[in-house]
């Protein structure tokens, strides 16, 4: 005797926790509109004016006008860029 194939409803995918931003937005808002130097996890540095802070990204505008998106998960540190005389800007 042949048994009919049993059909099971598809198993829903396992739920994943919502991703957590590496850096809180409030911490970076004080740098909005200022020149910053961002050190990435692999040691590279990106410098520009911080134009926008998002949940997962930063938007920098470089001196040459190019827009650069930096993912927060790839950031090691953020500091204000030195002024033209080499001193850290006081804000």
PDB file of N, CA and C in Angstrom:
ATOM      1  N   UNK A   1       0.834  -1.168   0.000  1.00  0.00           N
ATOM      2  CA  UNK A   1       0.000   0.000   0.000  1.00  0.00           C
ATOM      3  C   UNK A   1       0.887   1.243   0.000  1.00  0.00           C
ATOM      4  N   UNK A   2       0.555   2.207  -0.789  1.00  0.00           N
ATOM      5  CA  UNK A   2       1.317   3.444  -0.909  1.00  0.00           C
ATOM      6  C   UNK A   2       0.658   4.492  -0.020  1.00  0.00           C
ATOM      7  N   UNK A   3       1.488   5.093   0.792  1.00  0.00           N
ATOM      8  CA  UNK A   3       0.971   6.141   1.672  1.00  0.00           C
ATOM      9  C   UNK A   3       1.020   7.482   0.948  1.00  0.00           C
ATOM     10  N   UNK A   4       0.026   8.302   1.137  1.00  0.00           N
ATOM     11  CA  UNK A   4       0.086   9.635   0.518  1.00  0.00           C
ATOM     12  C   UNK A   4       1.157  10.483   1.205  1.00  0.00           C
ATOM     13  N   UNK A   5       1.807  11.273   0.430  1.00  0.00           N
ATOM     14  CA  UNK A   5       2.849  12.155   0.986  1.00  0.00           C
ATOM     15  C   UNK A   5       2.208  13.155   1.934  1.00  0.00           C
ATOM     16  N   UNK A   6       2.849  13.305   3.068  1.00  0.00           N
ATOM     17  CA  UNK A   6       2.334  14.299   4.011  1.00  0.00           C
ATOM     18  C   UNK A   6       2.931  15.642   3.661  1.00  0.00           C
ATOM     19  N   UNK A   7       2.131  16.614   3.654  1.00  0.00           N
ATOM     20  CA  UNK A   7       2.625  17.957   3.358  1.00  0.00           C
ATOM     21  C   UNK A   7       2.654  18.747   4.649  1.00  0.00           C
ATOM     22  N   UNK A   8       3.769  19.360   4.875  1.00  0.00           N
ATOM     23  CA  UNK A   8       3.937  20.211   6.050  1.00  0.00           C
ATOM     24  C   UNK A   8       3.980  21.657   5.593  1.00  0.00           C
ATOM     25  N   UNK A   9       3.428  22.515   6.404  1.00  0.00           N
ATOM     26  CA  UNK A   9       3.534  23.927   6.030  1.00  0.00           C
ATOM     27  C   UNK A   9       4.995  24.365   6.099  1.00  0.00           C
ATOM     28  N   UNK A  10       5.378  25.285   5.245  1.00  0.00           N
ATOM     29  CA  UNK A  10       6.777  25.726   5.268  1.00  0.00           C
ATOM     30  C   UNK A  10       7.150  26.318   6.623  1.00  0.00           C
ATOM     31  N   UNK A  11       8.353  26.047   7.033  1.00  0.00           N
ATOM     32  CA  UNK A  11       8.841  26.561   8.310  1.00  0.00           C
ATOM     33  C   UNK A  11       9.257  28.014   8.119  1.00  0.00           C
ATOM     34  N   UNK A  12       8.750  28.904   8.953  1.00  0.00           N
ATOM     35  CA  UNK A  12       9.152  30.307   8.800  1.00  0.00           C
ATOM     36  C   UNK A  12      10.635  30.456   9.159  1.00  0.00           C
ATOM     37  N   UNK A  13      11.299  31.399   8.514  1.00  0.00           N
ATOM     38  CA  UNK A  13      12.719  31.593   8.833  1.00  0.00           C
ATOM     39  C   UNK A  13      12.885  32.028  10.286  1.00  0.00           C
ATOM     40  N   UNK A  14      13.995  31.641  10.854  1.00  0.00           N
ATOM     41  CA  UNK A  14      14.273  32.028  12.239  1.00  0.00           C
ATOM     42  C   UNK A  14      14.379  33.544  12.318  1.00  0.00           C
ATOM     43  N   UNK A  15      13.773  34.095  13.328  1.00  0.00           N
ATOM     44  CA  UNK A  15      13.827  35.547  13.457  1.00  0.00           C
ATOM     45  C   UNK A  15      15.209  35.959  13.951  1.00  0.00           C
ATOM     46  N   UNK A  16      15.686  37.040  13.418  1.00  0.00           N
ATOM     47  CA  UNK A  16      16.998  37.575  13.787  1.00  0.00           C
ATOM     48  C   UNK A  16      16.796  38.836  14.602  1.00  0.00           C
ATOM     49  N   UNK A  17      17.671  39.070  15.545  1.00  0.00           N
ATOM     50  CA  UNK A  17      17.549  40.335  16.273  1.00  0.00           C
ATOM     51  C   UNK A  17      17.871  41.498  15.342  1.00  0.00           C
ATOM     52  N   UNK A  18      17.259  42.607  15.614  1.00  0.00           N
ATOM     53  CA  UNK A  18      17.507  43.796  14.798  1.00  0.00           C
ATOM     54  C   UNK A  18      18.960  44.215  14.942  1.00  0.00           C
ATOM     55  N   UNK A  19      19.621  44.600  13.837  1.00  0.00           N
ATOM     56  CA  UNK A  19      21.011  45.029  13.937  1.00  0.00           C
ATOM     57  C   UNK A  19      21.152  46.264  14.816  1.00  0.00           C
ATOM     58  N   UNK A  20      22.221  46.326  15.530  1.00  0.00           N
ATOM     59  CA  UNK A  20      22.476  47.446  16.429  1.00  0.00           C
ATOM     60  C   UNK A  20      23.531  48.335  15.789  1.00  0.00           C
ATOM     61  N   UNK A  21      23.274  49.617  15.789  1.00  0.00           N
ATOM     62  CA  UNK A  21      24.232  50.566  15.231  1.00  0.00           C
ATOM     63  C   UNK A  21      25.500  50.582  16.069  1.00  0.00           C
ATOM     64  N   UNK A  22      26.639  50.678  15.407  1.00  0.00           N
ATOM     65  CA  UNK A  22      27.919  50.674  16.101  1.00  0.00           C
ATOM     66  C   UNK A  22      28.125  51.952  16.918  1.00  0.00           C
ATOM     67  N   UNK A  23      27.679  53.080  16.401  1.00  0.00           N
ATOM     68  CA  UNK A  23      27.844  54.360  17.093  1.00  0.00           C
ATOM     69  C   UNK A  23      26.485  55.039  17.225  1.00  0.00           C
ATOM     70  N   UNK A  24      26.131  55.507  18.401  1.00  0.00           N
ATOM     71  CA  UNK A  24      24.843  56.185  18.550  1.00  0.00           C
ATOM     72  C   UNK A  24      24.807  57.505  17.783  1.00  0.00           C
ATOM     73  N   UNK A  25      23.638  57.808  17.221  1.00  0.00           N
ATOM     74  CA  UNK A  25      23.492  59.040  16.434  1.00  0.00           C
ATOM     75  C   UNK A  25      23.782  60.282  17.267  1.00  0.00           C
ATOM     76  N   UNK A  26      23.294  60.319  18.511  1.00  0.00           N
ATOM     77  CA  UNK A  26      23.459  61.497  19.352  1.00  0.00           C
ATOM     78  C   UNK A  26      24.909  61.859  19.588  1.00  0.00           C
ATOM     79  N   UNK A  27      25.758  60.859  19.670  1.00  0.00           N
ATOM     80  CA  UNK A  27      27.175  61.097  19.892  1.00  0.00           C
ATOM     81  C   UNK A  27      27.806  61.832  18.712  1.00  0.00           C
ATOM     82  N   UNK A  28      27.345  61.535  17.529  1.00  0.00           N
ATOM     83  CA  UNK A  28      27.937  62.126  16.327  1.00  0.00           C
ATOM     84  C   UNK A  28      27.278  63.439  15.904  1.00  0.00           C
ATOM     85  N   UNK A  29      26.077  63.718  16.414  1.00  0.00           N
ATOM     86  CA  UNK A  29      25.379  64.940  16.007  1.00  0.00           C
ATOM     87  C   UNK A  29      26.167  66.197  16.350  1.00  0.00           C
ATOM     88  N   UNK A  30      27.012  66.146  17.372  1.00  0.00           N
ATOM     89  CA  UNK A  30      27.786  67.347  17.730  1.00  0.00           C
ATOM     90  C   UNK A  30      28.835  67.684  16.670  1.00  0.00           C
ATOM     91  N   UNK A  31      29.129  66.735  15.777  1.00  0.00           N
ATOM     92  CA  UNK A  31      30.090  66.976  14.706  1.00  0.00           C
ATOM     93  C   UNK A  31      29.434  67.426  13.401  1.00  0.00           C
ATOM     94  N   UNK A  32      28.104  67.486  13.349  1.00  0.00           N
ATOM     95  CA  UNK A  32      27.419  67.884  12.112  1.00  0.00           C
ATOM     96  C   UNK A  32      27.875  69.262  11.661  1.00  0.00           C
ATOM     97  N   UNK A  33      28.223  69.372  10.395  1.00  0.00           N
ATOM     98  CA  UNK A  33      28.665  70.638   9.826  1.00  0.00           C
ATOM     99  C   UNK A  33      30.119  70.969  10.115  1.00  0.00           C
ATOM    100  N   UNK A  34      30.829  70.101  10.833  1.00  0.00           N
ATOM    101  CA  UNK A  34      32.244  70.345  11.160  1.00  0.00           C
ATOM    102  C   UNK A  34      33.139  69.401  10.370  1.00  0.00           C
ATOM    103  N   UNK A  35      34.378  69.822  10.197  1.00  0.00           N
ATOM    104  CA  UNK A  35      35.373  68.955   9.552  1.00  0.00           C
ATOM    105  C   UNK A  35      35.810  67.899  10.551  1.00  0.00           C
ATOM    106  N   UNK A  36      35.764  66.640  10.124  1.00  0.00           N
ATOM    107  CA  UNK A  36      36.144  65.533  10.993  1.00  0.00           C
ATOM    108  C   UNK A  36      37.132  64.623  10.281  1.00  0.00           C
ATOM    109  N   UNK A  37      37.857  63.864  11.086  1.00  0.00           N
ATOM    110  CA  UNK A  37      38.719  62.798  10.580  1.00  0.00           C
ATOM    111  C   UNK A  37      38.156  61.508  11.145  1.00  0.00           C
ATOM    112  N   UNK A  38      37.833  60.579  10.253  1.00  0.00           N
ATOM    113  CA  UNK A  38      37.293  59.290  10.662  1.00  0.00           C
ATOM    114  C   UNK A  38      38.347  58.231  10.388  1.00  0.00           C
ATOM    115  N   UNK A  39      38.746  57.520  11.447  1.00  0.00           N
ATOM    116  CA  UNK A  39      39.686  56.409  11.287  1.00  0.00           C
ATOM    117  C   UNK A  39      38.860  55.139  11.149  1.00  0.00           C
ATOM    118  N   UNK A  40      39.117  54.405  10.070  1.00  0.00           N
ATOM    119  CA  UNK A  40      38.393  53.170   9.816  1.00  0.00           C
ATOM    120  C   UNK A  40      39.069  51.997  10.520  1.00  0.00           C
ATOM    121  N   UNK A  41      38.383  50.876  10.590  1.00  0.00           N
ATOM    122  CA  UNK A  41      38.889  49.717  11.328  1.00  0.00           C
ATOM    123  C   UNK A  41      40.246  49.236  10.830  1.00  0.00           C
ATOM    124  N   UNK A  42      40.527  49.388   9.544  1.00  0.00           N
ATOM    125  CA  UNK A  42      41.790  48.919   8.994  1.00  0.00           C
ATOM    126  C   UNK A  42      42.873  49.993   8.980  1.00  0.00           C
ATOM    127  N   UNK A  43      42.615  51.125   9.654  1.00  0.00           N
ATOM    128  CA  UNK A  43      43.635  52.153   9.810  1.00  0.00           C
ATOM    129  C   UNK A  43      43.569  53.304   8.831  1.00  0.00           C
ATOM    130  N   UNK A  44      42.816  53.170   7.751  1.00  0.00           N
ATOM    131  CA  UNK A  44      42.689  54.276   6.796  1.00  0.00           C
ATOM    132  C   UNK A  44      41.926  55.421   7.449  1.00  0.00           C
ATOM    133  N   UNK A  45      42.203  56.643   6.981  1.00  0.00           N
ATOM    134  CA  UNK A  45      41.495  57.810   7.494  1.00  0.00           C
ATOM    135  C   UNK A  45      40.795  58.525   6.353  1.00  0.00           C
ATOM    136  N   UNK A  46      39.603  59.037   6.663  1.00  0.00           N
ATOM    137  CA  UNK A  46      38.821  59.817   5.711  1.00  0.00           C
ATOM    138  C   UNK A  46      38.535  61.151   6.375  1.00  0.00           C
ATOM    139  N   UNK A  47      38.769  62.241   5.642  1.00  0.00           N
ATOM    140  CA  UNK A  47      38.526  63.563   6.206  1.00  0.00           C
ATOM    141  C   UNK A  47      37.510  64.295   5.363  1.00  0.00           C
ATOM    142  N   UNK A  48      36.618  65.027   6.028  1.00  0.00           N
ATOM    143  CA  UNK A  48      35.618  65.815   5.324  1.00  0.00           C
ATOM    144  C   UNK A  48      34.668  66.462   6.308  1.00  0.00           C
ATOM    145  N   UNK A  49      33.691  67.162   5.766  1.00  0.00           N
ATOM    146  CA  UNK A  49      32.668  67.795   6.593  1.00  0.00           C
ATOM    147  C   UNK A  49      31.525  66.812   6.775  1.00  0.00           C
ATOM    148  N   UNK A  50      31.144  66.592   8.024  1.00  0.00           N
ATOM    149  CA  UNK A  50      30.060  65.652   8.314  1.00  0.00           C
ATOM    150  C   UNK A  50      28.733  66.297   7.926  1.00  0.00           C
ATOM    151  N   UNK A  51      28.099  65.753   6.893  1.00  0.00           N
ATOM    152  CA  UNK A  51      26.880  66.345   6.352  1.00  0.00           C
ATOM    153  C   UNK A  51      25.614  65.709   6.896  1.00  0.00           C
ATOM    154  N   UNK A  52      25.667  64.399   7.195  1.00  0.00           N
ATOM    155  CA  UNK A  52      24.465  63.713   7.645  1.00  0.00           C
ATOM    156  C   UNK A  52      24.847  62.524   8.515  1.00  0.00           C
ATOM    157  N   UNK A  53      24.023  62.264   9.533  1.00  0.00           N
ATOM    158  CA  UNK A  53      24.192  61.097  10.391  1.00  0.00           C
ATOM    159  C   UNK A  53      22.919  60.275  10.289  1.00  0.00           C
ATOM    160  N   UNK A  54      23.080  59.014   9.963  1.00  0.00           N
ATOM    161  CA  UNK A  54      21.970  58.095   9.795  1.00  0.00           C
ATOM    162  C   UNK A  54      22.110  57.000  10.844  1.00  0.00           C
ATOM    163  N   UNK A  55      21.171  56.074  10.873  1.00  0.00           N
ATOM    164  CA  UNK A  55      21.248  54.985  11.841  1.00  0.00           C
ATOM    165  C   UNK A  55      22.482  54.118  11.605  1.00  0.00           C
ATOM    166  N   UNK A  56      22.851  53.885  10.348  1.00  0.00           N
ATOM    167  CA  UNK A  56      23.958  52.997  10.032  1.00  0.00           C
ATOM    168  C   UNK A  56      25.078  53.661   9.236  1.00  0.00           C
ATOM    169  N   UNK A  57      24.899  54.922   8.815  1.00  0.00           N
ATOM    170  CA  UNK A  57      25.852  55.555   7.910  1.00  0.00           C
ATOM    171  C   UNK A  57      26.131  57.004   8.294  1.00  0.00           C
ATOM    172  N   UNK A  58      27.262  57.486   7.797  1.00  0.00           N
ATOM    173  CA  UNK A  58      27.606  58.903   7.872  1.00  0.00           C
ATOM    174  C   UNK A  58      27.827  59.382   6.444  1.00  0.00           C
ATOM    175  N   UNK A  59      27.488  60.625   6.183  1.00  0.00           N
ATOM    176  CA  UNK A  59      27.769  61.225   4.885  1.00  0.00           C
ATOM    177  C   UNK A  59      28.786  62.325   5.098  1.00  0.00           C
ATOM    178  N   UNK A  60      29.933  62.180   4.448  1.00  0.00           N
ATOM    179  CA  UNK A  60      30.994  63.188   4.502  1.00  0.00           C
ATOM    180  C   UNK A  60      31.076  63.877   3.160  1.00  0.00           C
ATOM    181  N   UNK A  61      31.350  65.167   3.186  1.00  0.00           N
ATOM    182  CA  UNK A  61      31.639  65.902   1.962  1.00  0.00           C
ATOM    183  C   UNK A  61      33.100  66.299   2.035  1.00  0.00           C
ATOM    184  N   UNK A  62      33.890  65.765   1.108  1.00  0.00           N
ATOM    185  CA  UNK A  62      35.327  66.044   1.109  1.00  0.00           C
ATOM    186  C   UNK A  62      35.606  67.427   0.545  1.00  0.00           C
ATOM    187  N   UNK A  63      36.838  67.894   0.714  1.00  0.00           N
ATOM    188  CA  UNK A  63      37.232  69.233   0.253  1.00  0.00           C
ATOM    189  C   UNK A  63      37.061  69.386  -1.253  1.00  0.00           C
ATOM    190  N   UNK A  64      37.216  68.284  -2.007  1.00  0.00           N
ATOM    191  CA  UNK A  64      37.065  68.355  -3.463  1.00  0.00           C
ATOM    192  C   UNK A  64      35.605  68.259  -3.905  1.00  0.00           C
ATOM    193  N   UNK A  65      34.674  68.212  -2.937  1.00  0.00           N
ATOM    194  CA  UNK A  65      33.252  68.179  -3.246  1.00  0.00           C
ATOM    195  C   UNK A  65      32.660  66.784  -3.361  1.00  0.00           C
ATOM    196  N   UNK A  66      33.494  65.752  -3.313  1.00  0.00           N
ATOM    197  CA  UNK A  66      33.001  64.389  -3.423  1.00  0.00           C
ATOM    198  C   UNK A  66      32.264  63.983  -2.150  1.00  0.00           C
ATOM    199  N   UNK A  67      31.160  63.287  -2.320  1.00  0.00           N
ATOM    200  CA  UNK A  67      30.402  62.777  -1.182  1.00  0.00           C
ATOM    201  C   UNK A  67      30.877  61.358  -0.885  1.00  0.00           C
ATOM    202  N   UNK A  68      31.085  61.065   0.391  1.00  0.00           N
ATOM    203  CA  UNK A  68      31.564  59.752   0.809  1.00  0.00           C
ATOM    204  C   UNK A  68      30.622  59.219   1.881  1.00  0.00           C
ATOM    205  N   UNK A  69      30.125  58.000   1.672  1.00  0.00           N
ATOM    206  CA  UNK A  69      29.298  57.346   2.682  1.00  0.00           C
ATOM    207  C   UNK A  69      30.194  56.399   3.461  1.00  0.00           C
ATOM    208  N   UNK A  70      30.148  56.520   4.784  1.00  0.00           N
ATOM    209  CA  UNK A  70      30.948  55.664   5.661  1.00  0.00           C
ATOM    210  C   UNK A  70      29.975  54.890   6.541  1.00  0.00           C
ATOM    211  N   UNK A  71      30.092  53.581   6.540  1.00  0.00           N
ATOM    212  CA  UNK A  71      29.231  52.766   7.386  1.00  0.00           C
ATOM    213  C   UNK A  71      29.758  52.781   8.808  1.00  0.00           C
ATOM    214  N   UNK A  72      28.881  53.002   9.773  1.00  0.00           N
ATOM    215  CA  UNK A  72      29.288  53.115  11.171  1.00  0.00           C
ATOM    216  C   UNK A  72      30.004  51.863  11.659  1.00  0.00           C
ATOM    217  N   UNK A  73      29.625  50.712  11.149  1.00  0.00           N
ATOM    218  CA  UNK A  73      30.251  49.468  11.575  1.00  0.00           C
ATOM    219  C   UNK A  73      31.717  49.380  11.203  1.00  0.00           C
ATOM    220  N   UNK A  74      32.185  50.215  10.284  1.00  0.00           N
ATOM    221  CA  UNK A  74      33.575  50.200   9.858  1.00  0.00           C
ATOM    222  C   UNK A  74      34.417  51.283  10.501  1.00  0.00           C
ATOM    223  N   UNK A  75      33.851  52.006  11.476  1.00  0.00           N
ATOM    224  CA  UNK A  75      34.550  53.137  12.087  1.00  0.00           C
ATOM    225  C   UNK A  75      35.246  52.713  13.369  1.00  0.00           C
ATOM    226  N   UNK A  76      36.499  53.124  13.479  1.00  0.00           N
ATOM    227  CA  UNK A  76      37.255  52.901  14.711  1.00  0.00           C
ATOM    228  C   UNK A  76      37.149  54.116  15.622  1.00  0.00           C
ATOM    229  N   UNK A  77      37.316  55.324  15.049  1.00  0.00           N
ATOM    230  CA  UNK A  77      37.239  56.542  15.860  1.00  0.00           C
ATOM    231  C   UNK A  77      36.856  57.732  14.994  1.00  0.00           C
ATOM    232  N   UNK A  78      36.327  58.759  15.660  1.00  0.00           N
ATOM    233  CA  UNK A  78      35.959  60.013  14.997  1.00  0.00           C
ATOM    234  C   UNK A  78      36.516  61.143  15.837  1.00  0.00           C
ATOM    235  N   UNK A  79      37.160  62.093  15.178  1.00  0.00           N
ATOM    236  CA  UNK A  79      37.661  63.270  15.888  1.00  0.00           C
ATOM    237  C   UNK A  79      37.498  64.482  14.982  1.00  0.00           C
ATOM    238  N   UNK A  80      37.456  65.638  15.609  1.00  0.00           N
ATOM    239  CA  UNK A  80      37.371  66.858  14.828  1.00  0.00           C
ATOM    240  C   UNK A  80      38.705  67.082  14.127  1.00  0.00           C
ATOM    241  N   UNK A  81      38.659  67.528  12.884  1.00  0.00           N
ATOM    242  CA  UNK A  81      39.888  67.755  12.106  1.00  0.00           C
ATOM    243  C   UNK A  81      40.626  68.955  12.639  1.00  0.00           C
ATOM    244  N   UNK A  82      41.961  68.921  12.577  1.00  0.00           N
ATOM    245  CA  UNK A  82      42.723  70.103  13.002  1.00  0.00           C
ATOM    246  C   UNK A  82      42.457  71.274  12.076  1.00  0.00           C
ATOM    247  N   UNK A  83      42.601  72.483  12.615  1.00  0.00           N
ATOM    248  CA  UNK A  83      42.416  73.651  11.768  1.00  0.00           C
ATOM    249  C   UNK A  83      43.619  73.791  10.845  1.00  0.00           C
ATOM    250  N   UNK A  84      43.649  74.843  10.050  1.00  0.00           N
ATOM    251  CA  UNK A  84      44.706  75.016   9.049  1.00  0.00           C
ATOM    252  C   UNK A  84      46.095  75.166   9.659  1.00  0.00           C
ATOM    253  N   UNK A  85      46.165  75.541  10.936  1.00  0.00           N
ATOM    254  CA  UNK A  85      47.456  75.713  11.580  1.00  0.00           C
ATOM    255  C   UNK A  85      47.912  74.453  12.313  1.00  0.00           C
ATOM    256  N   UNK A  86      47.151  73.356  12.149  1.00  0.00           N
ATOM    257  CA  UNK A  86      47.552  72.092  12.744  1.00  0.00           C
ATOM    258  C   UNK A  86      47.031  71.839  14.134  1.00  0.00           C
ATOM    259  N   UNK A  87      46.275  72.800  14.704  1.00  0.00           N
ATOM    260  CA  UNK A  87      45.715  72.622  16.047  1.00  0.00           C
ATOM    261  C   UNK A  87      44.356  71.954  15.944  1.00  0.00           C
ATOM    262  N   UNK A  88      44.021  71.167  16.967  1.00  0.00           N
ATOM    263  CA  UNK A  88      42.668  70.592  17.032  1.00  0.00           C
ATOM    264  C   UNK A  88      41.677  71.738  17.209  1.00  0.00           C
ATOM    265  N   UNK A  89      40.609  71.690  16.459  1.00  0.00           N
ATOM    266  CA  UNK A  89      39.587  72.732  16.562  1.00  0.00           C
ATOM    267  C   UNK A  89      38.886  72.633  17.910  1.00  0.00           C
ATOM    268  N   UNK A  90      38.580  73.775  18.488  1.00  0.00           N
ATOM    269  CA  UNK A  90      37.882  73.807  19.769  1.00  0.00           C
ATOM    270  C   UNK A  90      36.414  74.051  19.476  1.00  0.00           C
ATOM    271  N   UNK A  91      35.551  73.176  19.983  1.00  0.00           N
ATOM    272  CA  UNK A  91      34.150  73.336  19.622  1.00  0.00           C
ATOM    273  C   UNK A  91      33.306  73.372  20.790  1.00  0.00           C
TER     274      UNK A  91
END
